[in-house]
Amino acid sequence: MNQKSSTSRRKIRYRQALYLLLFCNLLLCCISFYQSVQNEIPDSIKLFAGEKSTFSYGIPAKGMLSSQSEEEESCETISVNLNQPFTVKADSTGEYVMESRLFGLFHLKKTTVKVLDTKEVVPCGLPVGIYVKTDGMLVLDTQILNCKDGLNYEPAKNIVKAGDYILEVNGQNIKGKEELKEIVAQSKGKDIELLINRDGKQFKVSVTPVMTKEGVYKLGIWVRDDTQGLGTLTYISGKKFGALGHGISDIDTGTRMEIEGGSLYEAHILAIKKGEKGSPGELIGQVSYGDAGYLGKIENNTGFGIYGTLSRPINGLSDQKPMQIGLKQEVKKGKACIRLILDGKSKDYEIQIEKVDGSNKNIKKGMVIKITDKRLLKETGGIVQGMSGSPIIQNGKIIGAVTHVFVNDPTRGYGIFIENMLDAAG
């Protein structure tokens, strides 16, 4: 009798454990489904006043579009079915809110809907030289030093780290790494106080210089205070410009550089290293540094591109007719083109947009594109370094810019929506 009772209890516990496991799996599936549906809905939507826009999310949810007039204290609400394509039109500029609910019951997200005046920019595709000065000195790494006493020391270890910015030395702003070397060399071994910016937080640290076997005081810190290279100008709007479609990152630390400012220069393409599987190609050019080649100042380095102000018109671009921008809901899979100036002439090269992702999962990679134009494939092999920022055009509108290449397939890469670049421009 006791044996039967024990067996029965084991069966009950087994069933309970099984039910619990099934419940946990079901709960995880529900959470995963909720999050995936939530990610399909953007944080913000843009419309042009007076134009119809069609959206298609294909999710089992309902949205409530509402506008609040503070003057009239009136509220207008429109219900939309997010499981089917829907079209909206606003007659005037302003802001709205769309609250979406899963199955019409469970809150998903509040989306800001902005109605804007039509925006036009001049698409460029011009390779340019880029020079930026860091806001402080970027720490690349610390170094072990061979010292006068025959021992090895690493004086800055665990005090500063890669990605830090040195803003001040002994309470003073300094111009660059050469001035830092001079201050340390003349320190006579006394502590050096550094003001550090780490992930947006500032604090002071103290590092004691050591005398190397060459008889020079050093801190054992590798730093960088500038960088330069080639990129592509995406658009011009009046005297303002946007380029690259992504931020300038340090090649050693991989972090986006905090910049004090920079300059844009004329560049001439001398050769092209074609891209191959596993080996990205490259535009090889000559940059006209100096007053004669100076185009303007770089003011911001964001995750979506670099931005600044032109100092003079650019031959062949500034007199071009502006093109209307296409919002991300207008972007469709299929034929499009990228604009490039490789031999001094502006040309449009055919591409295929293979994927469009207007969600929040990775707004820097809203499109997957494939180069299909035989002329460009012959010249470059696909997307190469230096082409980042090349404008993407579809149906007579500029819709985005090239940002990255697939290392294992240089004919394919990512693009960013032009509305995201313009948002970052401010």
Protein backbone atom coordinates (compact mmCIF):
# COMPACT_ATOMS: atom_id res chain seq x y z
CA MET A 1 0.00 0.00 0.00
CA ASN A 2 2.86 2.34 0.92
CA GLN A 3 4.65 1.48 -2.32
CA LYS A 4 1.56 2.34 -4.40
CA SER A 5 1.14 5.60 -2.50
CA SER A 6 4.80 6.52 -3.07
CA THR A 7 4.49 5.74 -6.80
CA SER A 8 1.35 7.83 -7.00
CA ARG A 9 3.05 10.80 -5.34
CA ARG A 10 5.99 10.54 -7.76
CA LYS A 11 3.57 10.57 -10.71
CA ILE A 12 1.84 13.65 -9.30
CA ARG A 13 5.17 15.46 -8.81
CA TYR A 14 6.23 14.44 -12.31
CA ARG A 15 3.01 15.83 -13.78
CA GLN A 16 3.40 19.04 -11.78
CA ALA A 17 6.98 19.47 -12.99
CA LEU A 18 5.88 18.81 -16.57
CA TYR A 19 3.03 21.34 -16.31
CA LEU A 20 5.42 23.91 -14.83
CA LEU A 21 7.91 23.32 -17.63
CA LEU A 22 5.18 23.68 -20.25
CA PHE A 23 3.91 26.84 -18.56
CA CYS A 24 7.42 28.35 -18.50
CA ASN A 25 7.95 27.49 -22.18
CA LEU A 26 4.58 28.99 -23.07
CA LEU A 27 5.39 32.12 -21.06
CA LEU A 28 8.76 32.51 -22.80
CA CYS A 29 7.10 32.06 -26.21
CA CYS A 30 4.54 34.73 -25.33
CA ILE A 31 7.22 37.15 -24.16
CA SER A 32 9.30 36.51 -27.28
CA PHE A 33 6.27 36.99 -29.52
CA TYR A 34 5.30 40.22 -27.71
CA GLN A 35 8.83 41.64 -28.07
CA SER A 36 9.12 40.70 -31.75
CA VAL A 37 5.75 42.32 -32.52
CA GLN A 38 6.72 45.38 -30.49
CA ASN A 39 9.96 45.75 -32.48
CA GLU A 40 8.04 45.74 -35.75
CA ILE A 41 6.39 49.02 -34.80
CA PRO A 42 8.69 52.06 -35.17
CA ASP A 43 9.20 54.61 -32.41
CA SER A 44 8.40 57.39 -34.83
CA ILE A 45 6.73 57.81 -38.21
CA LYS A 46 7.07 60.74 -40.58
CA LEU A 47 4.56 61.96 -43.16
CA PHE A 48 4.54 64.80 -45.65
CA ALA A 49 1.61 67.19 -45.37
CA GLY A 50 -0.91 66.73 -48.16
CA GLU A 51 0.50 63.37 -49.30
CA LYS A 52 -0.93 59.90 -48.74
CA SER A 53 1.33 57.34 -47.04
CA THR A 54 0.69 53.60 -46.94
CA PHE A 55 1.97 51.37 -44.13
CA SER A 56 2.07 47.59 -43.84
CA TYR A 57 3.14 45.91 -40.60
CA GLY A 58 1.26 42.60 -40.79
CA ILE A 59 0.87 42.18 -37.03
CA PRO A 60 -2.27 41.26 -35.06
CA ALA A 61 -2.74 44.65 -33.46
CA LYS A 62 -4.83 47.79 -33.62
CA GLY A 63 -3.61 51.37 -33.55
CA MET A 64 -5.37 54.48 -32.35
CA LEU A 65 -4.16 57.68 -34.04
CA SER A 66 -5.00 60.78 -32.08
CA SER A 67 -4.28 64.48 -32.23
CA GLN A 68 -4.84 66.88 -29.37
CA SER A 69 -5.64 70.52 -29.99
CA GLU A 70 -4.77 72.49 -26.87
CA GLU A 71 -6.56 75.61 -28.10
CA GLU A 72 -9.88 73.90 -28.87
CA GLU A 73 -9.42 71.14 -26.29
CA SER A 74 -10.71 68.71 -28.88
CA CYS A 75 -9.40 65.28 -29.65
CA GLU A 76 -9.76 63.38 -32.92
CA THR A 77 -9.11 59.62 -32.90
CA ILE A 78 -8.71 57.29 -35.89
CA SER A 79 -8.59 53.50 -35.56
CA VAL A 80 -6.30 51.50 -37.89
CA ASN A 81 -5.84 47.74 -38.32
CA LEU A 82 -2.11 46.96 -38.19
CA ASN A 83 -2.69 43.48 -39.61
CA GLN A 84 -3.56 44.98 -42.99
CA PRO A 85 -2.06 47.76 -45.15
CA PHE A 86 -3.53 51.14 -44.27
CA THR A 87 -3.24 54.61 -45.77
CA VAL A 88 -3.19 57.92 -43.90
CA LYS A 89 -3.06 61.54 -45.01
CA ALA A 90 -2.60 64.72 -43.00
CA ASP A 91 -3.47 68.10 -44.48
CA SER A 92 -1.16 70.17 -42.30
CA THR A 93 2.04 69.84 -40.30
CA GLY A 94 1.92 68.79 -36.67
CA GLU A 95 2.41 65.90 -34.28
CA TYR A 96 0.17 62.93 -33.56
CA VAL A 97 0.39 59.83 -31.40
CA MET A 98 -0.46 56.26 -32.36
CA GLU A 99 -1.08 53.88 -29.47
CA SER A 100 -0.94 50.26 -30.61
CA ARG A 101 -2.47 47.29 -28.78
CA LEU A 102 -1.84 43.60 -29.41
CA PHE A 103 -5.13 41.93 -30.42
CA GLY A 104 -6.65 45.29 -29.54
CA LEU A 105 -6.16 44.50 -25.83
CA PHE A 106 -2.54 44.60 -24.64
CA HIS A 107 -0.48 47.80 -24.84
CA LEU A 108 2.45 47.56 -27.26
CA LYS A 109 3.88 51.00 -27.90
CA LYS A 110 3.21 54.69 -28.35
CA THR A 111 4.53 55.95 -31.69
CA THR A 112 5.12 59.61 -32.48
CA VAL A 113 3.73 60.60 -35.87
CA LYS A 114 5.25 63.79 -37.28
CA VAL A 115 3.75 65.55 -40.29
CA LEU A 116 6.38 67.61 -42.09
CA ASP A 117 6.69 69.95 -45.01
CA THR A 118 8.17 68.33 -48.12
CA LYS A 119 11.97 68.18 -47.89
CA GLU A 120 14.40 68.41 -50.80
CA VAL A 121 18.18 67.95 -50.91
CA VAL A 122 20.80 67.64 -53.64
CA PRO A 123 22.08 64.02 -53.88
CA CYS A 124 25.87 64.02 -54.38
CA GLY A 125 27.94 60.81 -54.48
CA LEU A 126 31.17 62.80 -54.51
CA PRO A 127 34.31 61.26 -52.88
CA VAL A 128 35.82 63.74 -50.42
CA GLY A 129 38.77 63.92 -48.07
CA ILE A 130 37.93 63.92 -44.38
CA TYR A 131 40.04 65.20 -41.50
CA VAL A 132 38.79 65.34 -37.91
CA LYS A 133 40.39 66.43 -34.65
CA THR A 134 39.38 64.51 -31.55
CA ASP A 135 37.79 66.28 -28.58
CA GLY A 136 40.72 65.55 -26.31
CA MET A 137 43.22 62.75 -26.90
CA LEU A 138 41.80 59.28 -27.48
CA VAL A 139 43.51 56.58 -25.41
CA LEU A 140 44.30 53.54 -27.56
CA ASP A 141 46.07 51.42 -24.93
CA THR A 142 48.62 51.42 -22.14
CA GLN A 143 52.21 50.31 -22.62
CA ILE A 144 54.91 48.44 -20.66
CA LEU A 145 58.09 50.53 -20.51
CA ASN A 146 61.72 49.40 -20.18
CA CYS A 147 63.07 51.70 -17.48
CA LYS A 148 66.39 53.15 -16.33
CA ASP A 149 66.60 50.81 -13.32
CA GLY A 150 66.45 47.75 -15.59
CA LEU A 151 62.88 46.86 -14.63
CA ASN A 152 59.65 47.00 -16.63
CA TYR A 153 56.74 49.21 -15.54
CA GLU A 154 53.24 49.98 -16.84
CA PRO A 155 52.43 53.22 -14.96
CA ALA A 156 48.98 53.85 -16.50
CA LYS A 157 47.65 50.29 -16.18
CA ASN A 158 44.18 50.15 -14.54
CA ILE A 159 44.15 53.97 -14.39
CA VAL A 160 43.20 54.80 -17.96
CA LYS A 161 41.82 52.42 -20.58
CA ALA A 162 41.20 52.22 -24.31
CA GLY A 163 38.36 54.52 -25.35
CA ASP A 164 39.05 57.17 -22.69
CA TYR A 165 39.61 60.79 -23.74
CA ILE A 166 42.24 62.94 -22.01
CA LEU A 167 40.70 66.43 -21.82
CA GLU A 168 43.21 68.26 -19.61
CA VAL A 169 46.74 67.75 -18.29
CA ASN A 170 47.57 69.32 -14.92
CA GLY A 171 44.46 71.47 -15.20
CA GLN A 172 45.29 72.90 -18.63
CA ASN A 173 43.95 72.27 -22.11
CA ILE A 174 46.62 71.04 -24.47
CA LYS A 175 46.77 71.10 -28.26
CA GLY A 176 47.72 67.47 -28.88
CA LYS A 177 49.91 64.47 -28.16
CA GLU A 178 53.19 66.31 -28.87
CA GLU A 179 52.42 68.83 -26.13
CA LEU A 180 51.52 65.95 -23.79
CA LYS A 181 54.91 64.32 -24.49
CA GLU A 182 56.69 67.58 -23.70
CA ILE A 183 54.85 68.09 -20.38
CA VAL A 184 55.63 64.52 -19.27
CA ALA A 185 59.26 64.74 -20.39
CA GLN A 186 59.75 67.85 -18.22
CA SER A 187 57.84 66.45 -15.21
CA LYS A 188 60.95 65.23 -13.33
CA GLY A 189 58.90 62.21 -12.29
CA LYS A 190 56.20 64.21 -10.50
CA ASP A 191 52.60 62.97 -10.74
CA ILE A 192 50.65 64.06 -13.81
CA GLU A 193 46.95 64.86 -13.27
CA LEU A 194 44.68 63.92 -16.17
CA LEU A 195 41.04 64.91 -16.67
CA ILE A 196 39.37 61.89 -18.28
CA ASN A 197 36.12 61.57 -20.22
CA ARG A 198 34.90 57.98 -20.06
CA ASP A 199 31.50 57.16 -21.56
CA GLY A 200 30.35 60.75 -21.03
CA LYS A 201 31.51 60.97 -17.40
CA GLN A 202 34.44 63.18 -16.41
CA PHE A 203 36.86 62.49 -13.55
CA LYS A 204 40.48 63.12 -12.61
CA VAL A 205 43.25 60.53 -12.26
CA SER A 206 46.90 60.74 -11.33
CA VAL A 207 49.70 58.90 -13.17
CA THR A 208 53.35 58.84 -12.11
CA PRO A 209 55.81 59.09 -15.02
CA VAL A 210 58.74 56.68 -15.13
CA MET A 211 62.17 57.23 -16.66
CA THR A 212 62.84 54.91 -19.60
CA LYS A 213 66.23 53.43 -20.39
CA GLU A 214 66.66 56.26 -22.93
CA GLY A 215 66.51 58.74 -20.04
CA VAL A 216 63.07 60.19 -20.96
CA TYR A 217 60.03 60.38 -18.66
CA LYS A 218 56.92 58.67 -20.07
CA LEU A 219 53.40 57.66 -18.96
CA GLY A 220 53.10 54.57 -21.13
CA ILE A 221 49.87 55.70 -22.85
CA TRP A 222 49.20 55.35 -26.59
CA VAL A 223 47.00 58.24 -27.76
CA ARG A 224 45.49 59.58 -30.98
CA ASP A 225 44.38 63.16 -31.55
CA ASP A 226 43.18 63.11 -35.18
CA THR A 227 42.27 60.90 -38.13
CA GLN A 228 41.78 61.25 -41.84
CA GLY A 229 40.55 59.33 -44.85
CA LEU A 230 38.17 59.15 -47.81
CA GLY A 231 34.38 59.10 -47.75
CA THR A 232 31.43 60.03 -49.92
CA LEU A 233 29.28 63.14 -49.68
CA THR A 234 25.63 62.08 -49.49
CA TYR A 235 23.67 65.30 -49.86
CA ILE A 236 23.76 69.10 -49.79
CA SER A 237 20.95 71.20 -48.36
CA GLY A 238 21.74 74.87 -48.83
CA LYS A 239 25.17 75.24 -47.27
CA LYS A 240 24.71 72.21 -45.04
CA PHE A 241 25.97 68.71 -45.92
CA GLY A 242 25.71 65.12 -44.71
CA ALA A 243 28.13 62.31 -45.53
CA LEU A 244 29.10 58.67 -44.85
CA GLY A 245 25.80 57.37 -43.46
CA HIS A 246 27.69 56.16 -40.37
CA GLY A 247 29.99 57.69 -37.80
CA ILE A 248 33.78 57.89 -37.92
CA SER A 249 35.11 55.20 -35.60
CA ASP A 250 38.64 54.69 -34.37
CA ILE A 251 40.29 51.78 -36.16
CA ASP A 252 41.96 50.48 -32.97
CA THR A 253 39.26 50.85 -30.31
CA GLY A 254 36.23 50.45 -32.62
CA THR A 255 34.46 53.29 -30.80
CA ARG A 256 32.85 56.31 -32.48
CA MET A 257 35.22 59.24 -32.11
CA GLU A 258 34.31 62.30 -30.06
CA ILE A 259 35.42 65.17 -32.27
CA GLU A 260 36.29 68.80 -31.64
CA GLY A 261 35.77 69.57 -35.31
CA GLY A 262 37.17 68.80 -38.71
CA SER A 263 37.50 69.71 -42.36
CA LEU A 264 36.20 68.51 -45.70
CA TYR A 265 38.54 68.58 -48.71
CA GLU A 266 38.50 67.88 -52.42
CA ALA A 267 39.65 64.39 -53.40
CA HIS A 268 40.56 62.78 -56.71
CA ILE A 269 40.25 59.02 -57.25
CA LEU A 270 43.53 57.64 -58.62
CA ALA A 271 42.81 53.91 -58.53
CA ILE A 272 40.27 51.37 -57.30
CA LYS A 273 41.13 48.17 -55.48
CA LYS A 274 38.31 45.81 -56.44
CA GLY A 275 36.41 44.03 -53.70
CA GLU A 276 36.61 40.24 -53.48
CA LYS A 277 35.08 37.63 -51.20
CA GLY A 278 36.70 38.04 -47.77
CA SER A 279 38.66 41.13 -48.85
CA PRO A 280 36.87 44.50 -49.06
CA GLY A 281 38.01 46.76 -51.89
CA GLU A 282 38.99 50.40 -51.57
CA LEU A 283 38.89 53.74 -53.34
CA ILE A 284 42.45 55.05 -53.54
CA GLY A 285 42.61 58.79 -53.91
CA GLN A 286 44.60 61.95 -53.45
CA VAL A 287 43.22 64.50 -51.01
CA SER A 288 43.88 68.20 -51.67
CA TYR A 289 44.68 69.28 -48.12
CA GLY A 290 45.18 72.99 -47.71
CA ASP A 291 43.27 76.15 -48.53
CA ALA A 292 42.87 75.42 -52.25
CA GLY A 293 41.06 72.14 -51.64
CA TYR A 294 39.14 73.15 -48.51
CA LEU A 295 35.37 72.61 -48.90
CA GLY A 296 33.98 73.25 -45.44
CA LYS A 297 33.97 72.38 -41.77
CA ILE A 298 32.82 69.15 -40.12
CA GLU A 299 30.81 69.96 -37.02
CA ASN A 300 29.25 66.68 -35.84
CA ASN A 301 30.18 63.01 -35.92
CA THR A 302 27.06 60.94 -35.20
CA GLY A 303 26.16 57.28 -35.52
CA PHE A 304 24.30 58.16 -38.74
CA GLY A 305 26.92 60.25 -40.51
CA ILE A 306 29.07 63.37 -40.34
CA TYR A 307 27.58 66.82 -40.80
CA GLY A 308 28.80 70.34 -41.34
CA THR A 309 28.77 73.54 -43.37
CA LEU A 310 30.25 74.19 -46.80
CA SER A 311 32.46 77.25 -47.22
CA ARG A 312 31.98 77.47 -50.99
CA PRO A 313 29.93 75.94 -53.81
CA ILE A 314 31.13 72.58 -55.15
CA ASN A 315 31.58 72.52 -58.91
CA GLY A 316 28.93 70.43 -60.63
CA LEU A 317 26.86 69.90 -57.48
CA SER A 318 25.72 73.19 -55.99
CA ASP A 319 23.88 74.13 -59.19
CA GLN A 320 22.03 70.81 -59.45
CA LYS A 321 18.27 70.67 -58.99
CA PRO A 322 17.26 69.42 -55.51
CA MET A 323 15.50 66.05 -55.24
CA GLN A 324 12.63 65.22 -52.90
CA ILE A 325 13.45 62.77 -50.12
CA GLY A 326 11.54 59.49 -49.87
CA LEU A 327 10.41 58.41 -46.41
CA LYS A 328 11.07 54.85 -45.31
CA GLN A 329 7.49 53.70 -45.89
CA GLU A 330 7.96 54.66 -49.55
CA VAL A 331 11.00 52.40 -49.98
CA LYS A 332 10.16 49.17 -51.81
CA LYS A 333 12.07 46.02 -52.71
CA GLY A 334 13.18 46.09 -56.32
CA LYS A 335 15.14 48.34 -58.65
CA ALA A 336 16.91 51.47 -57.47
CA CYS A 337 20.27 53.14 -58.13
CA ILE A 338 23.23 54.66 -56.32
CA ARG A 339 24.87 57.89 -57.47
CA LEU A 340 28.65 58.09 -57.71
CA ILE A 341 31.30 60.41 -59.14
CA LEU A 342 34.36 58.24 -59.79
CA ASP A 343 35.84 59.84 -62.92
CA GLY A 344 34.63 63.40 -62.50
CA LYS A 345 31.18 62.65 -63.93
CA SER A 346 28.03 61.94 -61.95
CA LYS A 347 26.58 58.52 -62.84
CA ASP A 348 23.69 56.45 -61.55
CA TYR A 349 24.39 52.72 -61.16
CA GLU A 350 21.59 50.17 -60.94
CA ILE A 351 21.08 48.21 -57.73
CA GLN A 352 18.47 45.88 -56.32
CA ILE A 353 16.91 46.54 -52.90
CA GLU A 354 16.57 43.03 -51.48
CA LYS A 355 15.20 43.81 -48.04
CA VAL A 356 13.52 46.77 -46.33
CA ASP A 357 13.34 46.91 -42.52
CA GLY A 358 11.52 49.95 -41.16
CA SER A 359 11.43 48.62 -37.58
CA ASN A 360 13.66 49.53 -34.64
CA LYS A 361 15.86 46.45 -34.76
CA ASN A 362 18.76 48.20 -36.48
CA ILE A 363 17.95 51.58 -37.96
CA LYS A 364 21.51 51.92 -39.29
CA LYS A 365 20.84 48.95 -41.59
CA GLY A 366 17.35 49.63 -42.90
CA MET A 367 18.04 48.21 -46.37
CA VAL A 368 19.95 45.30 -47.86
CA ILE A 369 21.13 46.22 -51.34
CA LYS A 370 22.86 44.37 -54.17
CA ILE A 371 24.93 45.98 -56.93
CA THR A 372 23.63 44.74 -60.30
CA ASP A 373 25.09 47.34 -62.69
CA LYS A 374 27.74 45.63 -64.86
CA ARG A 375 29.70 48.90 -65.25
CA LEU A 376 30.18 49.32 -61.50
CA LEU A 377 30.88 45.62 -60.93
CA LYS A 378 33.62 45.85 -63.56
CA GLU A 379 35.11 48.98 -61.96
CA THR A 380 34.85 48.14 -58.24
CA GLY A 381 33.61 44.57 -57.85
CA GLY A 382 30.73 45.95 -55.78
CA ILE A 383 30.77 48.13 -52.65
CA VAL A 384 34.24 49.21 -51.55
CA GLN A 385 35.68 51.29 -48.73
CA GLY A 386 35.23 54.97 -49.49
CA MET A 387 31.79 54.47 -51.05
CA SER A 388 30.00 54.83 -47.70
CA GLY A 389 27.56 57.70 -48.07
CA SER A 390 26.73 57.12 -51.74
CA PRO A 391 23.08 58.26 -52.13
CA ILE A 392 20.42 55.65 -52.95
CA ILE A 393 17.68 56.83 -55.32
CA GLN A 394 14.36 55.14 -56.10
CA ASN A 395 11.41 56.44 -58.13
CA GLY A 396 12.98 59.86 -58.51
CA LYS A 397 13.54 60.38 -54.77
CA ILE A 398 16.62 60.09 -52.57
CA ILE A 399 15.78 57.37 -50.04
CA GLY A 400 19.04 56.59 -48.29
CA ALA A 401 22.79 56.03 -48.41
CA VAL A 402 25.19 53.09 -48.64
CA THR A 403 26.78 52.29 -45.26
CA HIS A 404 28.43 48.85 -45.13
CA VAL A 405 29.58 46.02 -47.39
CA PHE A 406 29.15 42.30 -46.76
CA VAL A 407 32.72 41.01 -46.37
CA ASN A 408 31.90 37.65 -47.93
CA ASP A 409 29.93 39.20 -50.81
CA PRO A 410 31.16 42.64 -51.93
CA THR A 411 28.20 42.99 -54.32
CA ARG A 412 25.87 43.28 -51.34
CA GLY A 413 25.66 45.63 -48.37
CA TYR A 414 23.53 47.77 -46.10
CA GLY A 415 21.89 51.15 -46.55
CA ILE A 416 20.46 53.69 -44.11
CA PHE A 417 17.21 55.59 -44.69
CA ILE A 418 17.75 59.23 -45.61
CA GLU A 419 15.19 60.34 -43.00
CA ASN A 420 17.44 58.89 -40.27
CA MET A 421 20.42 60.82 -41.62
CA LEU A 422 18.41 64.05 -41.72
CA ASP A 423 17.12 63.45 -38.16
CA ALA A 424 20.71 63.17 -36.90
CA ALA A 425 21.62 66.38 -38.72
CA GLY A 426 19.20 68.24 -36.42
